[in-house]
Amino acid sequence: EDRQYVLDRYDNNIRYINDELERLYTRLGPNDIVVYFADHGEEFWDH
């Protein structure tokens, strides 16, 4: 339960980023190139 609070906050921010990106995507046309990527992940006590 305590660890889940950290994960929940993490997910909040992922959703926030992607909601803001919707504004930028609407400025692009069908011939534009978009590359969506991350530099690395995050360990939440997996190991």
All heavy atoms as atom14 arrays in JSON, in Angstrom:
{
  "sequence": "EDRQYVLDRYDNNIRYINDELERLYTRLGPNDIVVYFADHGEEFWDH",
  "atom14_mask": [
    [1, 1, 1, 1, 1, 1, 1, 1, 1, 0, 0, 0, 0, 0],
    [1, 1, 1, 1, 1, 1, 1, 1, 0, 0, 0, 0, 0, 0],
    [1, 1, 1, 1, 1, 1, 1, 1, 1, 1, 1, 0, 0, 0],
    [1, 1, 1, 1, 1, 1, 1, 1, 1, 0, 0, 0, 0, 0],
    [1, 1, 1, 1, 1, 1, 1, 1, 1, 1, 1, 1, 0, 0],
    [1, 1, 1, 1, 1, 1, 1, 0, 0, 0, 0, 0, 0, 0],
    [1, 1, 1, 1, 1, 1, 1, 1, 0, 0, 0, 0, 0, 0],
    [1, 1, 1, 1, 1, 1, 1, 1, 0, 0, 0, 0, 0, 0],
    [1, 1, 1, 1, 1, 1, 1, 1, 1, 1, 1, 0, 0, 0],
    [1, 1, 1, 1, 1, 1, 1, 1, 1, 1, 1, 1, 0, 0],
    [1, 1, 1, 1, 1, 1, 1, 1, 0, 0, 0, 0, 0, 0],
    [1, 1, 1, 1, 1, 1, 1, 1, 0, 0, 0, 0, 0, 0],
    [1, 1, 1, 1, 1, 1, 1, 1, 0, 0, 0, 0, 0, 0],
    [1, 1, 1, 1, 1, 1, 1, 1, 0, 0, 0, 0, 0, 0],
    [1, 1, 1, 1, 1, 1, 1, 1, 1, 1, 1, 0, 0, 0],
    [1, 1, 1, 1, 1, 1, 1, 1, 1, 1, 1, 1, 0, 0],
    [1, 1, 1, 1, 1, 1, 1, 1, 0, 0, 0, 0, 0, 0],
    [1, 1, 1, 1, 1, 1, 1, 1, 0, 0, 0, 0, 0, 0],
    [1, 1, 1, 1, 1, 1, 1, 1, 0, 0, 0, 0, 0, 0],
    [1, 1, 1, 1, 1, 1, 1, 1, 1, 0, 0, 0, 0, 0],
    [1, 1, 1, 1, 1, 1, 1, 1, 0, 0, 0, 0, 0, 0],
    [1, 1, 1, 1, 1, 1, 1, 1, 1, 0, 0, 0, 0, 0],
    [1, 1, 1, 1, 1, 1, 1, 1, 1, 1, 1, 0, 0, 0],
    [1, 1, 1, 1, 1, 1, 1, 1, 0, 0, 0, 0, 0, 0],
    [1, 1, 1, 1, 1, 1, 1, 1, 1, 1, 1, 1, 0, 0],
    [1, 1, 1, 1, 1, 1, 1, 0, 0, 0, 0, 0, 0, 0],
    [1, 1, 1, 1, 1, 1, 1, 1, 1, 1, 1, 0, 0, 0],
    [1, 1, 1, 1, 1, 1, 1, 1, 0, 0, 0, 0, 0, 0],
    [1, 1, 1, 1, 0, 0, 0, 0, 0, 0, 0, 0, 0, 0],
    [1, 1, 1, 1, 1, 1, 1, 0, 0, 0, 0, 0, 0, 0],
    [1, 1, 1, 1, 1, 1, 1, 1, 0, 0, 0, 0, 0, 0],
    [1, 1, 1, 1, 1, 1, 1, 1, 0, 0, 0, 0, 0, 0],
    [1, 1, 1, 1, 1, 1, 1, 1, 0, 0, 0, 0, 0, 0],
    [1, 1, 1, 1, 1, 1, 1, 0, 0, 0, 0, 0, 0, 0],
    [1, 1, 1, 1, 1, 1, 1, 0, 0, 0, 0, 0, 0, 0],
    [1, 1, 1, 1, 1, 1, 1, 1, 1, 1, 1, 1, 0, 0],
    [1, 1, 1, 1, 1, 1, 1, 1, 1, 1, 1, 0, 0, 0],
    [1, 1, 1, 1, 1, 0, 0, 0, 0, 0, 0, 0, 0, 0],
    [1, 1, 1, 1, 1, 1, 1, 1, 0, 0, 0, 0, 0, 0],
    [1, 1, 1, 1, 1, 1, 1, 1, 1, 1, 0, 0, 0, 0],
    [1, 1, 1, 1, 0, 0, 0, 0, 0, 0, 0, 0, 0, 0],
    [1, 1, 1, 1, 1, 1, 1, 1, 1, 0, 0, 0, 0, 0],
    [1, 1, 1, 1, 1, 1, 1, 1, 1, 0, 0, 0, 0, 0],
    [1, 1, 1, 1, 1, 1, 1, 1, 1, 1, 1, 0, 0, 0],
    [1, 1, 1, 1, 1, 1, 1, 1, 1, 1, 1, 1, 1, 1],
    [1, 1, 1, 1, 1, 1, 1, 1, 0, 0, 0, 0, 0, 0],
    [1, 1, 1, 1, 1, 1, 1, 1, 1, 1, 0, 0, 0, 0]
  ],
  "atom14_positions": [
    [[0.83, -1.21, 0.0], [0.0, 0.0, 0.0], [0.86, 1.26, 0.0], [0.57, 2.22, -0.73], [-0.93, 0.01, 1.21], [-2.01, -1.07, 1.2], [-1.47, -2.44, 1.57], [-0.34, -2.52, 2.13], [-2.16, -3.44, 1.29], [0.0, 0.0, 0.0], [0.0, 0.0, 0.0], [0.0, 0.0, 0.0], [0.0, 0.0, 0.0], [0.0, 0.0, 0.0]],
    [[1.92, 1.25, 0.82], [2.8, 2.42, 0.86], [3.56, 2.59, -0.45], [3.72, 3.7, -0.96], [3.78, 2.3, 2.03], [3.11, 2.49, 3.38], [1.98, 3.01, 3.42], [3.71, 2.11, 4.4], [0.0, 0.0, 0.0], [0.0, 0.0, 0.0], [0.0, 0.0, 0.0], [0.0, 0.0, 0.0], [0.0, 0.0, 0.0], [0.0, 0.0, 0.0]],
    [[4.02, 1.48, -0.99], [4.73, 1.56, -2.26], [3.8, 1.97, -3.4], [4.23, 2.66, -4.34], [5.39, 0.22, -2.57], [6.54, -0.12, -1.64], [7.16, -1.48, -1.96], [8.35, -1.71, -1.17], [9.11, -2.81, -1.26], [8.79, -3.76, -2.15], [10.19, -2.95, -0.51], [0.0, 0.0, 0.0], [0.0, 0.0, 0.0], [0.0, 0.0, 0.0]],
    [[2.55, 1.58, -3.3], [1.6, 1.91, -4.35], [1.39, 3.42, -4.47], [1.17, 3.93, -5.57], [0.27, 1.21, -4.1], [-0.74, 1.35, -5.24], [-0.23, 0.75, -6.54], [0.29, -0.37, -6.56], [-0.37, 1.48, -7.64], [0.0, 0.0, 0.0], [0.0, 0.0, 0.0], [0.0, 0.0, 0.0], [0.0, 0.0, 0.0], [0.0, 0.0, 0.0]],
    [[1.49, 4.13, -3.36], [1.35, 5.58, -3.42], [2.42, 6.19, -4.33], [2.14, 7.1, -5.12], [1.45, 6.18, -2.01], [1.52, 7.69, -2.0], [0.43, 8.46, -2.4], [2.69, 8.34, -1.62], [0.5, 9.85, -2.4], [2.77, 9.72, -1.61], [1.68, 10.48, -2.01], [1.76, 11.85, -2.01], [0.0, 0.0, 0.0], [0.0, 0.0, 0.0]],
    [[3.65, 5.69, -4.26], [4.72, 6.18, -5.13], [4.39, 5.87, -6.59], [4.54, 6.74, -7.48], [6.07, 5.55, -4.73], [7.18, 6.02, -5.66], [6.41, 5.88, -3.28], [0.0, 0.0, 0.0], [0.0, 0.0, 0.0], [0.0, 0.0, 0.0], [0.0, 0.0, 0.0], [0.0, 0.0, 0.0], [0.0, 0.0, 0.0], [0.0, 0.0, 0.0]],
    [[3.95, 4.67, -6.85], [3.58, 4.29, -8.21], [2.42, 5.13, -8.73], [2.39, 5.51, -9.91], [3.2, 2.8, -8.25], [4.36, 1.82, -8.07], [3.84, 0.43, -7.72], [5.19, 1.75, -9.33], [0.0, 0.0, 0.0], [0.0, 0.0, 0.0], [0.0, 0.0, 0.0], [0.0, 0.0, 0.0], [0.0, 0.0, 0.0], [0.0, 0.0, 0.0]],
    [[1.47, 5.42, -7.86], [0.31, 6.22, -8.28], [0.73, 7.63, -8.68], [0.24, 8.18, -9.67], [-0.72, 6.29, -7.15], [-1.37, 4.94, -6.87], [-1.29, 4.06, -7.73], [-1.96, 4.79, -5.78], [0.0, 0.0, 0.0], [0.0, 0.0, 0.0], [0.0, 0.0, 0.0], [0.0, 0.0, 0.0], [0.0, 0.0, 0.0], [0.0, 0.0, 0.0]],
    [[1.64, 8.2, -7.91], [2.13, 9.54, -8.25], [2.91, 9.52, -9.57], [2.81, 10.45, -10.39], [3.0, 10.09, -7.11], [2.25, 10.36, -5.82], [1.28, 11.53, -5.94], [1.93, 12.75, -6.36], [2.61, 13.57, -5.55], [2.71, 13.29, -4.26], [3.17, 14.67, -6.02], [0.0, 0.0, 0.0], [0.0, 0.0, 0.0], [0.0, 0.0, 0.0]],
    [[3.67, 8.47, -9.76], [4.41, 8.28, -11.03], [3.43, 8.24, -12.2], [3.62, 8.94, -13.21], [5.19, 6.99, -10.92], [6.0, 6.55, -12.13], [7.12, 7.26, -12.54], [5.66, 5.4, -12.82], [7.88, 6.83, -13.62], [6.42, 4.96, -13.91], [7.53, 5.68, -14.3], [8.28, 5.25, -15.37], [0.0, 0.0, 0.0], [0.0, 0.0, 0.0]],
    [[2.37, 7.47, -12.06], [1.38, 7.36, -13.13], [0.66, 8.68, -13.37], [0.33, 9.03, -14.51], [0.36, 6.28, -12.8], [0.95, 4.88, -12.9], [2.05, 4.72, -13.45], [0.29, 3.93, -12.42], [0.0, 0.0, 0.0], [0.0, 0.0, 0.0], [0.0, 0.0, 0.0], [0.0, 0.0, 0.0], [0.0, 0.0, 0.0], [0.0, 0.0, 0.0]],
    [[0.4, 9.44, -12.3], [-0.19, 10.77, -12.47], [0.62, 11.6, -13.44], [0.08, 12.29, -14.33], [-0.2, 11.52, -11.13], [-1.34, 11.11, -10.21], [-2.23, 10.37, -10.6], [-1.3, 11.61, -8.98], [0.0, 0.0, 0.0], [0.0, 0.0, 0.0], [0.0, 0.0, 0.0], [0.0, 0.0, 0.0], [0.0, 0.0, 0.0], [0.0, 0.0, 0.0]],
    [[1.95, 11.57, -13.28], [2.82, 12.41, -14.09], [2.93, 11.92, -15.52], [3.06, 12.72, -16.45], [4.19, 12.52, -13.41], [4.18, 13.5, -12.27], [4.32, 14.7, -12.46], [3.98, 12.99, -11.06], [0.0, 0.0, 0.0], [0.0, 0.0, 0.0], [0.0, 0.0, 0.0], [0.0, 0.0, 0.0], [0.0, 0.0, 0.0], [0.0, 0.0, 0.0]],
    [[2.91, 10.6, -15.71], [2.91, 10.07, -17.07], [1.65, 10.53, -17.81], [1.71, 10.95, -18.98], [3.02, 8.54, -17.06], [4.39, 8.12, -16.53], [2.79, 7.97, -18.45], [4.57, 6.62, -16.38], [0.0, 0.0, 0.0], [0.0, 0.0, 0.0], [0.0, 0.0, 0.0], [0.0, 0.0, 0.0], [0.0, 0.0, 0.0], [0.0, 0.0, 0.0]],
    [[0.52, 10.47, -17.12], [-0.73, 10.92, -17.75], [-0.68, 12.42, -18.05], [-1.12, 12.88, -19.12], [-1.91, 10.6, -16.83], [-3.27, 11.09, -17.34], [-3.64, 10.46, -18.68], [-4.85, 11.05, -19.22], [-6.06, 10.49, -19.14], [-6.21, 9.32, -18.52], [-7.11, 11.07, -19.66], [0.0, 0.0, 0.0], [0.0, 0.0, 0.0], [0.0, 0.0, 0.0]],
    [[-0.12, 13.2, -17.13], [-0.01, 14.65, -17.33], [0.83, 14.98, -18.57], [0.43, 15.79, -19.42], [0.59, 15.28, -16.08], [1.03, 16.72, -16.24], [0.19, 17.69, -16.78], [2.31, 17.11, -15.84], [0.61, 19.01, -16.91], [2.73, 18.42, -15.97], [1.88, 19.37, -16.51], [2.3, 20.67, -16.65], [0.0, 0.0, 0.0], [0.0, 0.0, 0.0]],
    [[1.98, 14.34, -18.71], [2.82, 14.57, -19.89], [2.03, 14.3, -21.16], [2.02, 15.12, -22.09], [4.07, 13.67, -19.85], [5.0, 14.04, -18.71], [4.82, 13.73, -21.19], [6.1, 13.02, -18.46], [0.0, 0.0, 0.0], [0.0, 0.0, 0.0], [0.0, 0.0, 0.0], [0.0, 0.0, 0.0], [0.0, 0.0, 0.0], [0.0, 0.0, 0.0]],
    [[1.4, 13.16, -21.2], [0.73, 12.76, -22.44], [-0.53, 13.57, -22.72], [-0.89, 13.77, -23.89], [0.44, 11.26, -22.39], [1.7, 10.43, -22.58], [2.18, 10.28, -23.69], [2.27, 9.93, -21.5], [0.0, 0.0, 0.0], [0.0, 0.0, 0.0], [0.0, 0.0, 0.0], [0.0, 0.0, 0.0], [0.0, 0.0, 0.0], [0.0, 0.0, 0.0]],
    [[-1.17, 14.09, -21.7], [-2.29, 15.0, -21.94], [-1.79, 16.32, -22.52], [-2.43, 16.9, -23.42], [-3.04, 15.25, -20.63], [-3.93, 14.08, -20.23], [-4.06, 13.13, -21.03], [-4.48, 14.11, -19.11], [0.0, 0.0, 0.0], [0.0, 0.0, 0.0], [0.0, 0.0, 0.0], [0.0, 0.0, 0.0], [0.0, 0.0, 0.0], [0.0, 0.0, 0.0]],
    [[-0.67, 16.83, -22.03], [-0.11, 18.06, -22.59], [0.35, 17.86, -24.03], [0.23, 18.76, -24.86], [1.05, 18.55, -21.72], [0.62, 19.22, -20.44], [-0.19, 20.48, -20.71], [0.3, 21.37, -21.44], [-1.32, 20.57, -20.2], [0.0, 0.0, 0.0], [0.0, 0.0, 0.0], [0.0, 0.0, 0.0], [0.0, 0.0, 0.0], [0.0, 0.0, 0.0]],
    [[0.89, 16.69, -24.33], [1.37, 16.42, -25.68], [0.25, 16.46, -26.71], [0.5, 16.74, -27.89], [2.08, 15.07, -25.73], [3.54, 15.09, -25.31], [4.05, 13.68, -25.06], [4.4, 15.78, -26.37], [0.0, 0.0, 0.0], [0.0, 0.0, 0.0], [0.0, 0.0, 0.0], [0.0, 0.0, 0.0], [0.0, 0.0, 0.0], [0.0, 0.0, 0.0]],
    [[-0.96, 16.21, -26.3], [-2.09, 16.26, -27.23], [-2.15, 17.63, -27.91], [-2.44, 17.72, -29.11], [-3.39, 15.98, -26.49], [-4.64, 16.1, -27.33], [-4.76, 15.0, -28.39], [-4.16, 13.93, -28.21], [-5.46, 15.23, -29.39], [0.0, 0.0, 0.0], [0.0, 0.0, 0.0], [0.0, 0.0, 0.0], [0.0, 0.0, 0.0], [0.0, 0.0, 0.0]],
    [[-1.84, 18.69, -27.16], [-1.86, 20.04, -27.75], [-0.83, 20.17, -28.87], [-1.08, 20.83, -29.89], [-1.56, 21.09, -26.67], [-2.59, 21.22, -25.59], [-2.37, 22.49, -24.79], [-1.16, 22.47, -23.99], [-0.26, 23.45, -23.96], [-0.4, 24.52, -24.72], [0.81, 23.37, -23.17], [0.0, 0.0, 0.0], [0.0, 0.0, 0.0], [0.0, 0.0, 0.0]],
    [[0.33, 19.56, -28.67], [1.4, 19.66, -29.67], [1.11, 18.8, -30.88], [1.37, 19.2, -32.02], [2.73, 19.28, -29.03], [4.01, 19.49, -29.83], [4.1, 20.92, -30.37], [5.23, 19.15, -28.99], [0.0, 0.0, 0.0], [0.0, 0.0, 0.0], [0.0, 0.0, 0.0], [0.0, 0.0, 0.0], [0.0, 0.0, 0.0], [0.0, 0.0, 0.0]],
    [[0.57, 17.61, -30.65], [0.26, 16.73, -31.77], [-0.73, 17.38, -32.75], [-0.68, 17.12, -33.96], [-0.33, 15.41, -31.27], [0.63, 14.55, -30.47], [0.15, 13.67, -29.5], [2.01, 14.61, -30.67], [1.02, 12.87, -28.76], [2.87, 13.83, -29.94], [2.37, 12.95, -28.98], [3.22, 12.16, -28.24], [0.0, 0.0, 0.0], [0.0, 0.0, 0.0]],
    [[-1.65, 18.2, -32.22], [-2.64, 18.81, -33.1], [-2.02, 19.82, -34.06], [-2.66, 20.2, -35.04], [-3.74, 19.5, -32.28], [-3.16, 20.53, -31.46], [-4.48, 18.51, -31.4], [0.0, 0.0, 0.0], [0.0, 0.0, 0.0], [0.0, 0.0, 0.0], [0.0, 0.0, 0.0], [0.0, 0.0, 0.0], [0.0, 0.0, 0.0], [0.0, 0.0, 0.0]],
    [[-0.8, 20.26, -33.79], [-0.11, 21.21, -34.67], [0.61, 20.53, -35.82], [1.14, 21.21, -36.7], [0.9, 22.02, -33.85], [0.29, 22.94, -32.82], [-0.43, 24.11, -33.48], [0.47, 24.88, -34.33], [1.26, 25.88, -33.88], [1.21, 26.22, -32.61], [2.05, 26.53, -34.7], [0.0, 0.0, 0.0], [0.0, 0.0, 0.0], [0.0, 0.0, 0.0]],
    [[0.66, 19.21, -35.81], [1.44, 18.48, -36.81], [0.55, 17.98, -37.94], [-0.65, 17.76, -37.77], [2.16, 17.32, -36.15], [3.09, 17.7, -34.99], [3.69, 16.45, -34.37], [4.18, 18.66, -35.45], [0.0, 0.0, 0.0], [0.0, 0.0, 0.0], [0.0, 0.0, 0.0], [0.0, 0.0, 0.0], [0.0, 0.0, 0.0], [0.0, 0.0, 0.0]],
    [[1.17, 17.78, -39.1], [0.45, 17.29, -40.26], [0.78, 15.84, -40.57], [1.66, 15.23, -39.94], [0.0, 0.0, 0.0], [0.0, 0.0, 0.0], [0.0, 0.0, 0.0], [0.0, 0.0, 0.0], [0.0, 0.0, 0.0], [0.0, 0.0, 0.0], [0.0, 0.0, 0.0], [0.0, 0.0, 0.0], [0.0, 0.0, 0.0], [0.0, 0.0, 0.0]],
    [[0.11, 15.26, -41.54], [0.31, 13.83, -41.85], [1.7, 13.51, -42.37], [2.13, 12.35, -42.3], [-0.76, 13.56, -42.92], [-1.07, 14.91, -43.5], [-0.91, 15.89, -42.39], [0.0, 0.0, 0.0], [0.0, 0.0, 0.0], [0.0, 0.0, 0.0], [0.0, 0.0, 0.0], [0.0, 0.0, 0.0], [0.0, 0.0, 0.0], [0.0, 0.0, 0.0]],
    [[2.43, 14.5, -42.89], [3.77, 14.23, -43.42], [4.88, 14.5, -42.42], [6.06, 14.38, -42.75], [4.0, 15.08, -44.68], [3.1, 14.66, -45.82], [2.85, 13.47, -46.02], [2.6, 15.62, -46.57], [0.0, 0.0, 0.0], [0.0, 0.0, 0.0], [0.0, 0.0, 0.0], [0.0, 0.0, 0.0], [0.0, 0.0, 0.0], [0.0, 0.0, 0.0]],
    [[4.51, 14.88, -41.21], [5.51, 15.14, -40.19], [5.96, 13.84, -39.52], [5.21, 12.86, -39.47], [4.96, 16.11, -39.14], [4.7, 17.5, -39.71], [5.42, 17.87, -40.66], [3.79, 18.18, -39.23], [0.0, 0.0, 0.0], [0.0, 0.0, 0.0], [0.0, 0.0, 0.0], [0.0, 0.0, 0.0], [0.0, 0.0, 0.0], [0.0, 0.0, 0.0]],
    [[7.18, 13.86, -39.0], [7.76, 12.69, -38.33], [7.71, 12.92, -36.82], [8.11, 13.98, -36.33], [9.22, 12.49, -38.78], [9.27, 12.21, -40.29], [9.89, 11.36, -37.99], [10.68, 12.29, -40.87], [0.0, 0.0, 0.0], [0.0, 0.0, 0.0], [0.0, 0.0, 0.0], [0.0, 0.0, 0.0], [0.0, 0.0, 0.0], [0.0, 0.0, 0.0]],
    [[7.22, 11.93, -36.1], [7.19, 11.98, -34.64], [7.89, 10.74, -34.1], [7.57, 9.62, -34.53], [5.75, 12.05, -34.09], [5.77, 12.15, -32.56], [4.99, 13.23, -34.68], [0.0, 0.0, 0.0], [0.0, 0.0, 0.0], [0.0, 0.0, 0.0], [0.0, 0.0, 0.0], [0.0, 0.0, 0.0], [0.0, 0.0, 0.0], [0.0, 0.0, 0.0]],
    [[8.83, 10.93, -33.19], [9.51, 9.82, -32.52], [9.29, 9.98, -31.02], [9.73, 10.96, -30.43], [11.02, 9.79, -32.83], [11.68, 8.58, -32.16], [11.26, 9.78, -34.33], [0.0, 0.0, 0.0], [0.0, 0.0, 0.0], [0.0, 0.0, 0.0], [0.0, 0.0, 0.0], [0.0, 0.0, 0.0], [0.0, 0.0, 0.0], [0.0, 0.0, 0.0]],
    [[8.6, 9.03, -30.43], [8.3, 9.05, -28.99], [9.17, 7.99, -28.32], [9.13, 6.81, -28.7], [6.82, 8.74, -28.79], [6.32, 8.75, -27.36], [5.55, 9.81, -26.88], [6.58, 7.71, -26.48], [5.06, 9.83, -25.58], [6.11, 7.72, -25.17], [5.35, 8.79, -24.73], [4.87, 8.8, -23.44], [0.0, 0.0, 0.0], [0.0, 0.0, 0.0]],
    [[9.96, 8.4, -27.31], [10.88, 7.45, -26.68], [11.2, 7.91, -25.26], [10.97, 9.06, -24.88], [12.18, 7.33, -27.48], [13.01, 8.58, -27.46], [14.06, 8.74, -26.55], [12.76, 9.64, -28.35], [14.82, 9.9, -26.52], [13.52, 10.8, -28.33], [14.56, 10.93, -27.41], [0.0, 0.0, 0.0], [0.0, 0.0, 0.0], [0.0, 0.0, 0.0]],
    [[11.74, 6.99, -24.48], [12.3, 7.3, -23.16], [13.77, 6.96, -23.16], [14.24, 6.14, -23.96], [11.57, 6.52, -22.07], [0.0, 0.0, 0.0], [0.0, 0.0, 0.0], [0.0, 0.0, 0.0], [0.0, 0.0, 0.0], [0.0, 0.0, 0.0], [0.0, 0.0, 0.0], [0.0, 0.0, 0.0], [0.0, 0.0, 0.0], [0.0, 0.0, 0.0]],
    [[14.5, 7.59, -22.25], [15.93, 7.3, -22.13], [16.2, 6.08, -21.28], [17.22, 5.4, -21.44], [16.68, 8.51, -21.57], [16.06, 9.05, -20.29], [14.93, 8.68, -19.94], [16.72, 9.89, -19.63], [0.0, 0.0, 0.0], [0.0, 0.0, 0.0], [0.0, 0.0, 0.0], [0.0, 0.0, 0.0], [0.0, 0.0, 0.0], [0.0, 0.0, 0.0]],
    [[15.32, 5.77, -20.35], [15.46, 4.62, -19.45], [14.15, 4.49, -18.69], [13.26, 5.35, -18.77], [16.63, 4.81, -18.48], [16.55, 6.07, -17.68], [15.73, 6.22, -16.59], [17.17, 7.27, -17.85], [15.85, 7.44, -16.1], [16.72, 8.11, -16.85], [0.0, 0.0, 0.0], [0.0, 0.0, 0.0], [0.0, 0.0, 0.0], [0.0, 0.0, 0.0]],
    [[14.04, 3.42, -17.92], [12.86, 3.22, -17.09], [13.1, 3.62, -15.65], [13.85, 4.55, -15.36], [0.0, 0.0, 0.0], [0.0, 0.0, 0.0], [0.0, 0.0, 0.0], [0.0, 0.0, 0.0], [0.0, 0.0, 0.0], [0.0, 0.0, 0.0], [0.0, 0.0, 0.0], [0.0, 0.0, 0.0], [0.0, 0.0, 0.0], [0.0, 0.0, 0.0]],
    [[12.48, 2.87, -14.74], [12.59, 3.16, -13.32], [12.38, 1.85, -12.55], [11.51, 1.06, -12.92], [11.53, 4.18, -12.9], [11.66, 4.7, -11.49], [12.71, 5.8, -11.34], [13.76, 5.71, -12.03], [12.48, 6.75, -10.57], [0.0, 0.0, 0.0], [0.0, 0.0, 0.0], [0.0, 0.0, 0.0], [0.0, 0.0, 0.0], [0.0, 0.0, 0.0]],
    [[13.19, 1.64, -11.5], [12.97, 0.45, -10.68], [12.1, 0.81, -9.49], [12.4, 1.73, -8.74], [14.29, -0.16, -10.18], [14.02, -1.45, -9.41], [15.25, -2.15, -8.89], [16.37, -1.65, -9.11], [15.08, -3.2, -8.23], [0.0, 0.0, 0.0], [0.0, 0.0, 0.0], [0.0, 0.0, 0.0], [0.0, 0.0, 0.0], [0.0, 0.0, 0.0]],
    [[11.02, 0.06, -9.33], [10.16, 0.18, -8.16], [10.24, -1.13, -7.38], [9.28, -1.9, -7.32], [8.73, 0.48, -8.6], [8.56, 1.84, -9.21], [8.31, 1.97, -10.57], [8.64, 2.99, -8.44], [8.15, 3.24, -11.14], [8.48, 4.25, -9.0], [8.24, 4.38, -10.36], [0.0, 0.0, 0.0], [0.0, 0.0, 0.0], [0.0, 0.0, 0.0]],
    [[11.41, -1.38, -6.83], [11.66, -2.54, -5.98], [11.56, -3.87, -6.74], [11.45, -4.94, -6.13], [10.7, -2.54, -4.78], [10.79, -1.27, -3.98], [11.76, -0.95, -3.07], [9.91, -0.15, -4.04], [11.53, 0.31, -2.56], [10.39, 0.83, -3.14], [8.74, 0.13, -4.77], [9.77, 2.05, -2.95], [8.12, 1.35, -4.57], [8.63, 2.29, -3.68]],
    [[11.63, -3.85, -8.08], [11.54, -5.08, -8.87], [12.63, -6.06, -8.48], [12.41, -7.27, -8.4], [11.65, -4.77, -10.36], [10.62, -3.76, -10.83], [10.76, -2.58, -10.47], [9.69, -4.16, -11.55], [0.0, 0.0, 0.0], [0.0, 0.0, 0.0], [0.0, 0.0, 0.0], [0.0, 0.0, 0.0], [0.0, 0.0, 0.0], [0.0, 0.0, 0.0]],
    [[13.84, -5.55, -8.28], [14.97, -6.38, -7.88], [15.57, -5.87, -6.56], [16.77, -5.99, -6.32], [16.03, -6.42, -8.98], [15.63, -7.28, -10.14], [14.89, -6.8, -11.2], [15.84, -8.59, -10.41], [14.67, -7.77, -12.07], [15.25, -8.87, -11.63], [0.0, 0.0, 0.0], [0.0, 0.0, 0.0], [0.0, 0.0, 0.0], [0.0, 0.0, 0.0]]
  ]
}
